[in-house]
N, C-alpha and C. Protein backbone atom coordinates (compact mmCIF):
# COMPACT_ATOMS: atom_id res chain seq x y z
N UNK A 1 -16.29 -30.28 -32.91
CA UNK A 1 -17.37 -30.21 -33.90
C UNK A 1 -18.43 -29.22 -33.45
N UNK A 2 -18.76 -29.28 -32.16
CA UNK A 2 -19.76 -28.37 -31.61
C UNK A 2 -19.38 -26.92 -31.78
N UNK A 3 -18.09 -26.61 -31.55
CA UNK A 3 -17.62 -25.23 -31.66
C UNK A 3 -17.81 -24.72 -33.09
N UNK A 4 -17.48 -25.55 -34.07
CA UNK A 4 -17.62 -25.14 -35.47
C UNK A 4 -19.09 -24.89 -35.82
N UNK A 5 -19.98 -25.72 -35.28
CA UNK A 5 -21.41 -25.52 -35.53
C UNK A 5 -21.84 -24.16 -35.02
N UNK A 6 -21.36 -23.80 -33.82
CA UNK A 6 -21.72 -22.52 -33.21
C UNK A 6 -21.20 -21.37 -34.08
N UNK A 7 -19.95 -21.45 -34.53
CA UNK A 7 -19.38 -20.36 -35.31
C UNK A 7 -20.15 -20.17 -36.61
N UNK A 8 -20.56 -21.26 -37.24
CA UNK A 8 -21.29 -21.15 -38.51
C UNK A 8 -22.61 -20.42 -38.27
N UNK A 9 -23.27 -20.71 -37.15
CA UNK A 9 -24.55 -20.05 -36.86
C UNK A 9 -24.37 -18.61 -36.44
N UNK A 10 -23.27 -18.31 -35.74
CA UNK A 10 -23.07 -16.95 -35.23
C UNK A 10 -22.68 -15.97 -36.33
N UNK A 11 -21.88 -16.41 -37.29
CA UNK A 11 -21.43 -15.50 -38.34
C UNK A 11 -21.95 -15.96 -39.69
N UNK A 12 -22.26 -15.03 -40.57
CA UNK A 12 -22.67 -15.46 -41.92
C UNK A 12 -21.50 -16.18 -42.60
N UNK A 13 -21.69 -17.43 -42.99
CA UNK A 13 -20.58 -18.17 -43.59
C UNK A 13 -20.17 -17.57 -44.93
N UNK A 14 -18.90 -17.29 -45.07
CA UNK A 14 -18.38 -16.73 -46.32
C UNK A 14 -18.05 -17.85 -47.29
N UNK A 15 -17.86 -17.50 -48.54
CA UNK A 15 -17.48 -18.49 -49.56
C UNK A 15 -16.17 -19.16 -49.17
N UNK A 16 -15.27 -18.38 -48.55
CA UNK A 16 -13.97 -18.93 -48.17
C UNK A 16 -14.15 -20.05 -47.15
N UNK A 17 -15.01 -19.81 -46.15
CA UNK A 17 -15.24 -20.82 -45.12
C UNK A 17 -15.87 -22.07 -45.73
N UNK A 18 -16.91 -21.89 -46.56
CA UNK A 18 -17.58 -23.04 -47.16
C UNK A 18 -16.64 -23.76 -48.13
N UNK A 19 -15.83 -23.00 -48.87
CA UNK A 19 -14.87 -23.62 -49.78
C UNK A 19 -13.88 -24.48 -49.03
N UNK A 20 -13.39 -23.96 -47.89
CA UNK A 20 -12.43 -24.70 -47.08
C UNK A 20 -13.09 -25.95 -46.50
N UNK A 21 -14.33 -25.81 -46.03
CA UNK A 21 -15.06 -26.94 -45.46
C UNK A 21 -15.28 -28.02 -46.53
N UNK A 22 -15.65 -27.58 -47.74
CA UNK A 22 -15.87 -28.52 -48.84
C UNK A 22 -14.58 -29.25 -49.17
N UNK A 23 -13.46 -28.51 -49.23
CA UNK A 23 -12.16 -29.12 -49.50
C UNK A 23 -11.84 -30.18 -48.46
N UNK A 24 -12.13 -29.87 -47.19
CA UNK A 24 -11.85 -30.82 -46.11
C UNK A 24 -12.69 -32.08 -46.27
N UNK A 25 -13.97 -31.90 -46.65
CA UNK A 25 -14.85 -33.05 -46.85
C UNK A 25 -14.34 -33.90 -48.01
N UNK A 26 -13.95 -33.25 -49.10
CA UNK A 26 -13.44 -33.98 -50.27
C UNK A 26 -12.18 -34.75 -49.89
N UNK A 27 -11.27 -34.10 -49.17
CA UNK A 27 -10.03 -34.75 -48.75
C UNK A 27 -10.33 -35.93 -47.82
N UNK A 28 -11.29 -35.74 -46.92
CA UNK A 28 -11.66 -36.82 -46.00
C UNK A 28 -12.22 -38.01 -46.78
N UNK A 29 -13.03 -37.73 -47.80
CA UNK A 29 -13.59 -38.81 -48.62
C UNK A 29 -12.48 -39.53 -49.36
N UNK A 30 -11.53 -38.77 -49.91
CA UNK A 30 -10.40 -39.39 -50.62
C UNK A 30 -9.61 -40.27 -49.66
N UNK A 31 -9.32 -39.73 -48.47
CA UNK A 31 -8.57 -40.49 -47.47
C UNK A 31 -9.33 -41.74 -47.06
N UNK A 32 -10.64 -41.59 -46.84
CA UNK A 32 -11.47 -42.72 -46.45
C UNK A 32 -11.46 -43.80 -47.52
N UNK A 33 -11.57 -43.40 -48.78
CA UNK A 33 -11.57 -44.35 -49.89
C UNK A 33 -10.21 -45.05 -49.96
N UNK A 34 -9.14 -44.29 -49.76
CA UNK A 34 -7.79 -44.84 -49.82
C UNK A 34 -7.61 -45.88 -48.71
N UNK A 35 -8.06 -45.53 -47.50
CA UNK A 35 -7.93 -46.45 -46.36
C UNK A 35 -8.76 -47.71 -46.61
N UNK A 36 -9.98 -47.54 -47.12
CA UNK A 36 -10.86 -48.68 -47.38
C UNK A 36 -10.22 -49.63 -48.40
N UNK A 37 -9.57 -49.07 -49.41
CA UNK A 37 -8.92 -49.89 -50.44
C UNK A 37 -7.76 -50.68 -49.85
N UNK A 38 -7.02 -50.03 -48.93
CA UNK A 38 -5.84 -50.68 -48.34
C UNK A 38 -6.22 -51.78 -47.35
N UNK A 39 -7.40 -51.70 -46.75
CA UNK A 39 -7.80 -52.70 -45.76
C UNK A 39 -8.14 -54.04 -46.42
């Protein structure tokens, strides 16, 4: 996590990077919701 924070600060974040990060967050939320429902 620390490495990713550094890279975001060192380089101007492109739309591609933010789009990918957003997709990962959305997927994590979906997975979290799915796991919570199954428990």
